[in-house]
All heavy atoms as atom14 arrays in JSON, in Angstrom:
{
  "sequence": "NLRLLLNSTENVIPEVSKEEFNKYLKTIDFNLKSFEEEAIANRPDYL",
  "atom14_mask": [
    [1, 1, 1, 1, 1, 1, 1, 1, 0, 0, 0, 0, 0, 0],
    [1, 1, 1, 1, 1, 1, 1, 1, 0, 0, 0, 0, 0, 0],
    [1, 1, 1, 1, 1, 1, 1, 1, 1, 1, 1, 0, 0, 0],
    [1, 1, 1, 1, 1, 1, 1, 1, 0, 0, 0, 0, 0, 0],
    [1, 1, 1, 1, 1, 1, 1, 1, 0, 0, 0, 0, 0, 0],
    [1, 1, 1, 1, 1, 1, 1, 1, 0, 0, 0, 0, 0, 0],
    [1, 1, 1, 1, 1, 1, 1, 1, 0, 0, 0, 0, 0, 0],
    [1, 1, 1, 1, 1, 1, 0, 0, 0, 0, 0, 0, 0, 0],
    [1, 1, 1, 1, 1, 1, 1, 0, 0, 0, 0, 0, 0, 0],
    [1, 1, 1, 1, 1, 1, 1, 1, 1, 0, 0, 0, 0, 0],
    [1, 1, 1, 1, 1, 1, 1, 1, 0, 0, 0, 0, 0, 0],
    [1, 1, 1, 1, 1, 1, 1, 0, 0, 0, 0, 0, 0, 0],
    [1, 1, 1, 1, 1, 1, 1, 1, 0, 0, 0, 0, 0, 0],
    [1, 1, 1, 1, 1, 1, 1, 0, 0, 0, 0, 0, 0, 0],
    [1, 1, 1, 1, 1, 1, 1, 1, 1, 0, 0, 0, 0, 0],
    [1, 1, 1, 1, 1, 1, 1, 0, 0, 0, 0, 0, 0, 0],
    [1, 1, 1, 1, 1, 1, 0, 0, 0, 0, 0, 0, 0, 0],
    [1, 1, 1, 1, 1, 1, 1, 1, 1, 0, 0, 0, 0, 0],
    [1, 1, 1, 1, 1, 1, 1, 1, 1, 0, 0, 0, 0, 0],
    [1, 1, 1, 1, 1, 1, 1, 1, 1, 0, 0, 0, 0, 0],
    [1, 1, 1, 1, 1, 1, 1, 1, 1, 1, 1, 0, 0, 0],
    [1, 1, 1, 1, 1, 1, 1, 1, 0, 0, 0, 0, 0, 0],
    [1, 1, 1, 1, 1, 1, 1, 1, 1, 0, 0, 0, 0, 0],
    [1, 1, 1, 1, 1, 1, 1, 1, 1, 1, 1, 1, 0, 0],
    [1, 1, 1, 1, 1, 1, 1, 1, 0, 0, 0, 0, 0, 0],
    [1, 1, 1, 1, 1, 1, 1, 1, 1, 0, 0, 0, 0, 0],
    [1, 1, 1, 1, 1, 1, 1, 0, 0, 0, 0, 0, 0, 0],
    [1, 1, 1, 1, 1, 1, 1, 1, 0, 0, 0, 0, 0, 0],
    [1, 1, 1, 1, 1, 1, 1, 1, 0, 0, 0, 0, 0, 0],
    [1, 1, 1, 1, 1, 1, 1, 1, 1, 1, 1, 0, 0, 0],
    [1, 1, 1, 1, 1, 1, 1, 1, 0, 0, 0, 0, 0, 0],
    [1, 1, 1, 1, 1, 1, 1, 1, 0, 0, 0, 0, 0, 0],
    [1, 1, 1, 1, 1, 1, 1, 1, 1, 0, 0, 0, 0, 0],
    [1, 1, 1, 1, 1, 1, 0, 0, 0, 0, 0, 0, 0, 0],
    [1, 1, 1, 1, 1, 1, 1, 1, 1, 1, 1, 0, 0, 0],
    [1, 1, 1, 1, 1, 1, 1, 1, 1, 0, 0, 0, 0, 0],
    [1, 1, 1, 1, 1, 1, 1, 1, 1, 0, 0, 0, 0, 0],
    [1, 1, 1, 1, 1, 1, 1, 1, 1, 0, 0, 0, 0, 0],
    [1, 1, 1, 1, 1, 0, 0, 0, 0, 0, 0, 0, 0, 0],
    [1, 1, 1, 1, 1, 1, 1, 1, 0, 0, 0, 0, 0, 0],
    [1, 1, 1, 1, 1, 0, 0, 0, 0, 0, 0, 0, 0, 0],
    [1, 1, 1, 1, 1, 1, 1, 1, 0, 0, 0, 0, 0, 0],
    [1, 1, 1, 1, 1, 1, 1, 1, 1, 1, 1, 0, 0, 0],
    [1, 1, 1, 1, 1, 1, 1, 0, 0, 0, 0, 0, 0, 0],
    [1, 1, 1, 1, 1, 1, 1, 1, 0, 0, 0, 0, 0, 0],
    [1, 1, 1, 1, 1, 1, 1, 1, 1, 1, 1, 1, 0, 0],
    [1, 1, 1, 1, 1, 1, 1, 1, 0, 0, 0, 0, 0, 0]
  ],
  "atom14_positions": [
    [[0.83, -1.21, 0.0], [0.0, 0.0, 0.0], [0.87, 1.26, 0.0], [0.58, 2.23, -0.72], [-0.92, 0.01, 1.22], [-2.02, -1.03, 1.12], [-2.39, -1.44, 0.02], [-2.55, -1.45, 2.26], [0.0, 0.0, 0.0], [0.0, 0.0, 0.0], [0.0, 0.0, 0.0], [0.0, 0.0, 0.0], [0.0, 0.0, 0.0], [0.0, 0.0, 0.0]],
    [[1.91, 1.25, 0.82], [2.79, 2.42, 0.9], [3.5, 2.66, -0.44], [3.59, 3.8, -0.91], [3.83, 2.23, 2.0], [3.35, 2.45, 3.45], [4.47, 2.14, 4.43], [2.85, 3.88, 3.65], [0.0, 0.0, 0.0], [0.0, 0.0, 0.0], [0.0, 0.0, 0.0], [0.0, 0.0, 0.0], [0.0, 0.0, 0.0], [0.0, 0.0, 0.0]],
    [[4.01, 1.6, -1.04], [4.7, 1.77, -2.33], [3.74, 2.3, -3.38], [4.11, 3.13, -4.22], [5.31, 0.44, -2.78], [6.5, -0.01, -1.94], [7.29, -1.1, -2.67], [6.46, -2.26, -2.97], [6.3, -3.3, -2.16], [6.89, -3.33, -0.98], [5.53, -4.31, -2.52], [0.0, 0.0, 0.0], [0.0, 0.0, 0.0], [0.0, 0.0, 0.0]],
    [[2.5, 1.8, -3.36], [1.5, 2.27, -4.33], [1.16, 3.73, -4.09], [1.09, 4.53, -5.04], [0.24, 1.4, -4.23], [-0.91, 1.75, -5.19], [-0.47, 1.56, -6.63], [-2.13, 0.88, -4.89], [0.0, 0.0, 0.0], [0.0, 0.0, 0.0], [0.0, 0.0, 0.0], [0.0, 0.0, 0.0], [0.0, 0.0, 0.0], [0.0, 0.0, 0.0]],
    [[0.96, 4.1, -2.84], [0.6, 5.49, -2.52], [1.74, 6.45, -2.82], [1.5, 7.6, -3.21], [0.21, 5.59, -1.05], [-1.13, 4.94, -0.66], [-1.28, 4.84, 0.85], [-2.3, 5.72, -1.25], [0.0, 0.0, 0.0], [0.0, 0.0, 0.0], [0.0, 0.0, 0.0], [0.0, 0.0, 0.0], [0.0, 0.0, 0.0], [0.0, 0.0, 0.0]],
    [[2.98, 5.99, -2.62], [4.15, 6.85, -2.85], [4.7, 6.72, -4.26], [5.64, 7.42, -4.62], [5.25, 6.52, -1.84], [4.89, 6.69, -0.36], [6.05, 6.27, 0.53], [4.5, 8.14, -0.06], [0.0, 0.0, 0.0], [0.0, 0.0, 0.0], [0.0, 0.0, 0.0], [0.0, 0.0, 0.0], [0.0, 0.0, 0.0], [0.0, 0.0, 0.0]],
    [[4.11, 5.81, -5.05], [4.61, 5.55, -6.41], [6.1, 5.23, -6.36], [6.92, 5.81, -7.08], [4.34, 6.75, -7.31], [4.6, 6.44, -8.78], [4.62, 5.28, -9.19], [4.83, 7.47, -9.57], [0.0, 0.0, 0.0], [0.0, 0.0, 0.0], [0.0, 0.0, 0.0], [0.0, 0.0, 0.0], [0.0, 0.0, 0.0], [0.0, 0.0, 0.0]],
    [[6.44, 4.28, -5.48], [7.84, 3.94, -5.24], [8.02, 2.44, -5.39], [7.09, 1.65, -5.16], [8.26, 4.39, -3.84], [9.55, 3.93, -3.52], [0.0, 0.0, 0.0], [0.0, 0.0, 0.0], [0.0, 0.0, 0.0], [0.0, 0.0, 0.0], [0.0, 0.0, 0.0], [0.0, 0.0, 0.0], [0.0, 0.0, 0.0], [0.0, 0.0, 0.0]],
    [[9.22, 2.03, -5.77], [9.54, 0.6, -5.89], [10.29, 0.09, -4.67], [10.57, -1.11, -4.57], [10.4, 0.35, -7.14], [11.6, 1.15, -7.06], [9.64, 0.72, -8.41], [0.0, 0.0, 0.0], [0.0, 0.0, 0.0], [0.0, 0.0, 0.0], [0.0, 0.0, 0.0], [0.0, 0.0, 0.0], [0.0, 0.0, 0.0], [0.0, 0.0, 0.0]],
    [[10.64, 0.97, -3.74], [11.41, 0.57, -2.57], [10.52, 0.49, -1.34], [9.52, 1.2, -1.22], [12.53, 1.59, -2.3], [13.57, 1.66, -3.41], [14.64, 2.7, -3.11], [14.43, 3.51, -2.19], [15.67, 2.69, -3.79], [0.0, 0.0, 0.0], [0.0, 0.0, 0.0], [0.0, 0.0, 0.0], [0.0, 0.0, 0.0], [0.0, 0.0, 0.0]],
    [[10.89, -0.41, -0.43], [10.18, -0.5, 0.84], [10.41, 0.75, 1.67], [11.46, 1.38, 1.59], [10.64, -1.73, 1.62], [9.98, -3.0, 1.12], [8.96, -2.96, 0.43], [10.55, -4.13, 1.45], [0.0, 0.0, 0.0], [0.0, 0.0, 0.0], [0.0, 0.0, 0.0], [0.0, 0.0, 0.0], [0.0, 0.0, 0.0], [0.0, 0.0, 0.0]],
    [[9.41, 1.08, 2.46], [9.49, 2.24, 3.35], [9.79, 1.74, 4.76], [9.14, 0.82, 5.26], [8.16, 3.02, 3.33], [8.2, 4.17, 4.32], [7.87, 3.53, 1.93], [0.0, 0.0, 0.0], [0.0, 0.0, 0.0], [0.0, 0.0, 0.0], [0.0, 0.0, 0.0], [0.0, 0.0, 0.0], [0.0, 0.0, 0.0], [0.0, 0.0, 0.0]],
    [[10.79, 2.33, 5.39], [11.13, 2.02, 6.79], [10.7, 3.21, 7.65], [11.42, 4.2, 7.77], [12.64, 1.75, 6.94], [13.13, 0.75, 5.9], [12.94, 1.25, 8.35], [12.46, -0.59, 5.96], [0.0, 0.0, 0.0], [0.0, 0.0, 0.0], [0.0, 0.0, 0.0], [0.0, 0.0, 0.0], [0.0, 0.0, 0.0], [0.0, 0.0, 0.0]],
    [[9.5, 3.14, 8.24], [8.99, 4.29, 9.0], [9.78, 4.54, 10.28], [10.33, 3.61, 10.88], [7.55, 3.89, 9.32], [7.23, 2.76, 8.4], [8.52, 2.06, 8.17], [0.0, 0.0, 0.0], [0.0, 0.0, 0.0], [0.0, 0.0, 0.0], [0.0, 0.0, 0.0], [0.0, 0.0, 0.0], [0.0, 0.0, 0.0], [0.0, 0.0, 0.0]],
    [[9.81, 5.79, 10.67], [10.44, 6.19, 11.93], [9.47, 7.11, 12.68], [9.01, 8.11, 12.13], [11.77, 6.91, 11.66], [12.51, 7.3, 12.94], [12.9, 6.09, 13.79], [13.29, 5.05, 13.2], [12.8, 6.18, 15.02], [0.0, 0.0, 0.0], [0.0, 0.0, 0.0], [0.0, 0.0, 0.0], [0.0, 0.0, 0.0], [0.0, 0.0, 0.0]],
    [[9.16, 6.75, 13.93], [8.22, 7.53, 14.74], [8.92, 7.91, 16.04], [9.37, 7.03, 16.79], [6.95, 6.73, 15.05], [5.99, 7.56, 15.91], [6.26, 6.3, 13.76], [0.0, 0.0, 0.0], [0.0, 0.0, 0.0], [0.0, 0.0, 0.0], [0.0, 0.0, 0.0], [0.0, 0.0, 0.0], [0.0, 0.0, 0.0], [0.0, 0.0, 0.0]],
    [[9.02, 9.2, 16.28], [9.66, 9.66, 17.52], [8.69, 9.54, 18.69], [7.47, 9.4, 18.52], [10.11, 11.11, 17.38], [8.99, 11.97, 17.27], [0.0, 0.0, 0.0], [0.0, 0.0, 0.0], [0.0, 0.0, 0.0], [0.0, 0.0, 0.0], [0.0, 0.0, 0.0], [0.0, 0.0, 0.0], [0.0, 0.0, 0.0], [0.0, 0.0, 0.0]],
    [[9.25, 9.59, 19.89], [8.44, 9.51, 21.11], [7.46, 10.69, 21.18], [6.3, 10.54, 21.58], [9.35, 9.51, 22.33], [8.62, 9.33, 23.65], [9.6, 9.27, 24.82], [8.86, 9.1, 26.14], [9.82, 9.04, 27.29], [0.0, 0.0, 0.0], [0.0, 0.0, 0.0], [0.0, 0.0, 0.0], [0.0, 0.0, 0.0], [0.0, 0.0, 0.0]],
    [[7.92, 11.87, 20.75], [7.06, 13.05, 20.79], [5.88, 12.91, 19.83], [4.76, 13.32, 20.14], [7.86, 14.31, 20.45], [8.9, 14.71, 21.47], [10.13, 13.81, 21.47], [10.32, 13.1, 20.45], [10.87, 13.81, 22.47], [0.0, 0.0, 0.0], [0.0, 0.0, 0.0], [0.0, 0.0, 0.0], [0.0, 0.0, 0.0], [0.0, 0.0, 0.0]],
    [[6.16, 12.33, 18.65], [5.08, 12.15, 17.67], [4.01, 11.21, 18.19], [2.82, 11.41, 17.94], [5.67, 11.62, 16.36], [6.43, 12.64, 15.56], [7.02, 12.05, 14.29], [7.76, 11.05, 14.38], [6.72, 12.57, 13.21], [0.0, 0.0, 0.0], [0.0, 0.0, 0.0], [0.0, 0.0, 0.0], [0.0, 0.0, 0.0], [0.0, 0.0, 0.0]],
    [[4.44, 10.17, 18.9], [3.45, 9.23, 19.44], [2.69, 9.83, 20.61], [1.47, 9.66, 20.73], [4.13, 7.93, 19.87], [3.2, 6.98, 20.57], [2.3, 6.23, 19.84], [3.2, 6.87, 21.95], [1.41, 5.36, 20.48], [2.32, 6.01, 22.59], [1.43, 5.25, 21.86], [0.0, 0.0, 0.0], [0.0, 0.0, 0.0], [0.0, 0.0, 0.0]],
    [[3.39, 10.53, 21.49], [2.76, 11.04, 22.71], [1.65, 12.06, 22.43], [0.8, 12.3, 23.29], [3.81, 11.67, 23.63], [4.67, 10.62, 24.32], [4.28, 9.46, 24.42], [5.85, 11.02, 24.78], [0.0, 0.0, 0.0], [0.0, 0.0, 0.0], [0.0, 0.0, 0.0], [0.0, 0.0, 0.0], [0.0, 0.0, 0.0], [0.0, 0.0, 0.0]],
    [[1.65, 12.66, 21.25], [0.59, 13.63, 20.94], [-0.78, 12.97, 20.91], [-1.81, 13.63, 21.13], [0.87, 14.32, 19.61], [0.75, 13.42, 18.39], [1.11, 14.14, 17.11], [0.98, 13.23, 15.88], [1.36, 13.93, 14.63], [0.0, 0.0, 0.0], [0.0, 0.0, 0.0], [0.0, 0.0, 0.0], [0.0, 0.0, 0.0], [0.0, 0.0, 0.0]],
    [[-0.81, 11.66, 20.65], [-2.09, 10.96, 20.61], [-2.65, 10.67, 22.0], [-3.78, 10.2, 22.12], [-1.94, 9.64, 19.84], [-1.53, 9.82, 18.4], [-0.42, 9.16, 17.88], [-2.25, 10.65, 17.55], [-0.04, 9.32, 16.56], [-1.88, 10.82, 16.23], [-0.77, 10.16, 15.74], [-0.39, 10.33, 14.44], [0.0, 0.0, 0.0], [0.0, 0.0, 0.0]],
    [[-1.85, 10.94, 23.03], [-2.28, 10.66, 24.4], [-2.94, 11.84, 25.07], [-3.45, 11.71, 26.19], [-1.06, 10.22, 25.24], [-0.45, 8.87, 24.89], [0.87, 8.66, 25.61], [-1.42, 7.74, 25.22], [0.0, 0.0, 0.0], [0.0, 0.0, 0.0], [0.0, 0.0, 0.0], [0.0, 0.0, 0.0], [0.0, 0.0, 0.0], [0.0, 0.0, 0.0]],
    [[-2.94, 12.99, 24.42], [-3.54, 14.15, 25.07], [-5.05, 13.97, 25.2], [-5.68, 13.26, 24.4], [-3.22, 15.43, 24.29], [-3.98, 15.59, 22.99], [-3.63, 16.94, 22.35], [-4.44, 17.19, 21.09], [-4.13, 18.49, 20.48], [0.0, 0.0, 0.0], [0.0, 0.0, 0.0], [0.0, 0.0, 0.0], [0.0, 0.0, 0.0], [0.0, 0.0, 0.0]],
    [[-5.63, 14.58, 26.18], [-7.05, 14.42, 26.47], [-7.88, 15.42, 25.67], [-7.57, 16.61, 25.65], [-7.33, 14.62, 27.97], [-6.53, 13.7, 28.72], [-8.79, 14.39, 28.29], [0.0, 0.0, 0.0], [0.0, 0.0, 0.0], [0.0, 0.0, 0.0], [0.0, 0.0, 0.0], [0.0, 0.0, 0.0], [0.0, 0.0, 0.0], [0.0, 0.0, 0.0]],
    [[-8.9, 14.9, 25.0], [-9.84, 15.75, 24.26], [-11.24, 15.39, 24.73], [-11.67, 14.24, 24.6], [-9.72, 15.54, 22.73], [-8.33, 15.93, 22.24], [-10.79, 16.35, 22.0], [-8.12, 15.71, 20.76], [0.0, 0.0, 0.0], [0.0, 0.0, 0.0], [0.0, 0.0, 0.0], [0.0, 0.0, 0.0], [0.0, 0.0, 0.0], [0.0, 0.0, 0.0]],
    [[-11.95, 16.36, 25.3], [-13.32, 16.12, 25.77], [-14.27, 15.96, 24.6], [-14.11, 16.61, 23.55], [-13.78, 17.27, 26.67], [-12.97, 17.35, 27.96], [-12.53, 16.29, 28.43], [-12.77, 18.48, 28.45], [0.0, 0.0, 0.0], [0.0, 0.0, 0.0], [0.0, 0.0, 0.0], [0.0, 0.0, 0.0], [0.0, 0.0, 0.0], [0.0, 0.0, 0.0]],
    [[-15.25, 15.09, 24.77], [-16.21, 14.84, 23.7], [-17.23, 15.98, 23.64], [-17.89, 16.3, 24.63], [-16.94, 13.51, 23.94], [-17.91, 13.17, 22.84], [-17.46, 12.77, 21.6], [-19.28, 13.27, 23.07], [-18.36, 12.45, 20.59], [-20.18, 12.96, 22.06], [-19.72, 12.55, 20.82], [0.0, 0.0, 0.0], [0.0, 0.0, 0.0], [0.0, 0.0, 0.0]],
    [[-17.33, 16.59, 22.47], [-18.3, 17.66, 22.24], [-18.84, 17.47, 20.83], [-18.26, 17.95, 19.85], [-17.63, 19.03, 22.38], [-18.62, 20.17, 22.32], [-19.67, 20.07, 21.68], [-18.32, 21.26, 23.0], [0.0, 0.0, 0.0], [0.0, 0.0, 0.0], [0.0, 0.0, 0.0], [0.0, 0.0, 0.0], [0.0, 0.0, 0.0], [0.0, 0.0, 0.0]],
    [[-19.94, 16.74, 20.71], [-20.48, 16.37, 19.4], [-20.8, 17.58, 18.54], [-20.49, 17.61, 17.34], [-21.73, 15.5, 19.57], [-22.41, 15.04, 18.27], [-21.45, 14.24, 17.42], [-23.66, 14.23, 18.58], [0.0, 0.0, 0.0], [0.0, 0.0, 0.0], [0.0, 0.0, 0.0], [0.0, 0.0, 0.0], [0.0, 0.0, 0.0], [0.0, 0.0, 0.0]],
    [[-21.4, 18.6, 19.15], [-21.77, 19.78, 18.37], [-20.54, 20.47, 17.79], [-20.51, 20.85, 16.62], [-22.55, 20.76, 19.25], [-23.04, 21.99, 18.5], [-23.86, 22.91, 19.39], [-24.34, 24.14, 18.61], [-25.13, 25.06, 19.48], [0.0, 0.0, 0.0], [0.0, 0.0, 0.0], [0.0, 0.0, 0.0], [0.0, 0.0, 0.0], [0.0, 0.0, 0.0]],
    [[-19.5, 20.62, 18.62], [-18.28, 21.26, 18.15], [-17.59, 20.44, 17.06], [-17.17, 20.98, 16.03], [-17.32, 21.47, 19.32], [-16.09, 21.99, 18.88], [0.0, 0.0, 0.0], [0.0, 0.0, 0.0], [0.0, 0.0, 0.0], [0.0, 0.0, 0.0], [0.0, 0.0, 0.0], [0.0, 0.0, 0.0], [0.0, 0.0, 0.0], [0.0, 0.0, 0.0]],
    [[-17.52, 19.12, 17.27], [-16.9, 18.24, 16.27], [-17.68, 18.26, 14.96], [-17.1, 18.27, 13.87], [-16.82, 16.81, 16.8], [-15.87, 16.64, 17.96], [-16.1, 15.66, 18.92], [-14.76, 17.45, 18.11], [-15.24, 15.5, 19.99], [-13.89, 17.32, 19.17], [-14.13, 16.33, 20.11], [0.0, 0.0, 0.0], [0.0, 0.0, 0.0], [0.0, 0.0, 0.0]],
    [[-19.02, 18.27, 15.09], [-19.85, 18.28, 13.89], [-19.67, 19.58, 13.11], [-19.62, 19.58, 11.87], [-21.32, 18.09, 14.27], [-22.23, 17.89, 13.07], [-23.67, 17.63, 13.48], [-23.98, 17.77, 14.68], [-24.49, 17.31, 12.6], [0.0, 0.0, 0.0], [0.0, 0.0, 0.0], [0.0, 0.0, 0.0], [0.0, 0.0, 0.0], [0.0, 0.0, 0.0]],
    [[-19.56, 20.69, 13.83], [-19.33, 21.97, 13.16], [-17.99, 21.98, 12.42], [-17.89, 22.52, 11.31], [-19.37, 23.1, 14.2], [-20.76, 23.39, 14.74], [-20.75, 24.42, 15.85], [-19.63, 24.8, 16.29], [-21.85, 24.84, 16.3], [0.0, 0.0, 0.0], [0.0, 0.0, 0.0], [0.0, 0.0, 0.0], [0.0, 0.0, 0.0], [0.0, 0.0, 0.0]],
    [[-16.97, 21.38, 13.05], [-15.66, 21.27, 12.39], [-15.76, 20.43, 11.12], [-15.22, 20.8, 10.07], [-14.65, 20.63, 13.34], [-14.24, 21.5, 14.53], [-13.25, 22.58, 14.14], [-12.89, 22.67, 12.95], [-12.84, 23.35, 15.03], [0.0, 0.0, 0.0], [0.0, 0.0, 0.0], [0.0, 0.0, 0.0], [0.0, 0.0, 0.0], [0.0, 0.0, 0.0]],
    [[-16.47, 19.3, 11.22], [-16.6, 18.41, 10.06], [-17.38, 19.08, 8.93], [-17.01, 18.99, 7.76], [-17.29, 17.11, 10.48], [0.0, 0.0, 0.0], [0.0, 0.0, 0.0], [0.0, 0.0, 0.0], [0.0, 0.0, 0.0], [0.0, 0.0, 0.0], [0.0, 0.0, 0.0], [0.0, 0.0, 0.0], [0.0, 0.0, 0.0], [0.0, 0.0, 0.0]],
    [[-18.46, 19.77, 9.29], [-19.28, 20.45, 8.28], [-18.48, 21.55, 7.58], [-18.63, 21.78, 6.37], [-20.56, 21.02, 8.93], [-21.52, 19.89, 9.29], [-21.24, 22.03, 8.01], [-22.74, 20.33, 10.07], [0.0, 0.0, 0.0], [0.0, 0.0, 0.0], [0.0, 0.0, 0.0], [0.0, 0.0, 0.0], [0.0, 0.0, 0.0], [0.0, 0.0, 0.0]],
    [[-17.62, 22.2, 8.33], [-16.82, 23.29, 7.75], [-15.64, 22.77, 6.93], [-15.21, 23.45, 5.98], [-16.31, 24.21, 8.86], [0.0, 0.0, 0.0], [0.0, 0.0, 0.0], [0.0, 0.0, 0.0], [0.0, 0.0, 0.0], [0.0, 0.0, 0.0], [0.0, 0.0, 0.0], [0.0, 0.0, 0.0], [0.0, 0.0, 0.0], [0.0, 0.0, 0.0]],
    [[-15.14, 21.56, 7.27], [-13.87, 21.12, 6.68], [-13.97, 19.91, 5.75], [-13.13, 19.77, 4.85], [-12.87, 20.78, 7.8], [-12.54, 21.97, 8.66], [-12.38, 23.08, 8.17], [-12.43, 21.76, 9.96], [0.0, 0.0, 0.0], [0.0, 0.0, 0.0], [0.0, 0.0, 0.0], [0.0, 0.0, 0.0], [0.0, 0.0, 0.0], [0.0, 0.0, 0.0]],
    [[-14.94, 19.04, 5.99], [-14.95, 17.8, 5.21], [-15.37, 18.06, 3.77], [-16.49, 18.54, 3.5], [-15.87, 16.76, 5.84], [-15.18, 15.97, 6.93], [-16.0, 14.84, 7.46], [-16.38, 13.85, 6.47], [-16.69, 12.6, 6.8], [-16.65, 12.21, 8.06], [-17.05, 11.75, 5.87], [0.0, 0.0, 0.0], [0.0, 0.0, 0.0], [0.0, 0.0, 0.0]],
    [[-14.52, 17.73, 2.81], [-14.85, 18.01, 1.4], [-16.02, 17.19, 0.89], [-16.73, 17.65, 0.0], [-13.55, 17.67, 0.67], [-12.76, 16.82, 1.59], [-13.15, 17.2, 2.97], [0.0, 0.0, 0.0], [0.0, 0.0, 0.0], [0.0, 0.0, 0.0], [0.0, 0.0, 0.0], [0.0, 0.0, 0.0], [0.0, 0.0, 0.0], [0.0, 0.0, 0.0]],
    [[-16.25, 15.98, 1.44], [-17.39, 15.2, 0.96], [-18.71, 15.81, 1.4], [-19.71, 15.76, 0.66], [-17.28, 13.74, 1.4], [-17.06, 13.59, 2.9], [-16.75, 14.6, 3.56], [-17.17, 12.46, 3.39], [0.0, 0.0, 0.0], [0.0, 0.0, 0.0], [0.0, 0.0, 0.0], [0.0, 0.0, 0.0], [0.0, 0.0, 0.0], [0.0, 0.0, 0.0]],
    [[-18.73, 16.44, 2.59], [-19.94, 17.15, 3.01], [-20.13, 18.42, 2.18], [-21.25, 18.73, 1.74], [-19.88, 17.51, 4.5], [-21.1, 18.26, 4.98], [-22.25, 17.57, 5.34], [-21.12, 19.66, 5.04], [-23.39, 18.26, 5.76], [-22.25, 20.34, 5.45], [-23.38, 19.63, 5.82], [-24.51, 20.32, 6.21], [0.0, 0.0, 0.0], [0.0, 0.0, 0.0]],
    [[-19.06, 19.16, 1.97], [-19.14, 20.37, 1.15], [-19.57, 20.01, -0.28], [-20.26, 20.8, -0.94], [-17.79, 21.08, 1.14], [-17.31, 21.6, 2.5], [-15.9, 22.19, 2.37], [-18.27, 22.65, 3.05], [0.0, 0.0, 0.0], [0.0, 0.0, 0.0], [0.0, 0.0, 0.0], [0.0, 0.0, 0.0], [0.0, 0.0, 0.0], [0.0, 0.0, 0.0]]
  ]
}
């Protein structure tokens, strides 16, 4: 999949730093109305 998406013949060796991973651990409160407004404003399939 990666080679197809990158139009490359070589294997990809990913590198993920500790900081890059830790960003997924931050707390985000659930707010459906706010999330829906973001999606309506940004999602190209909705637009």
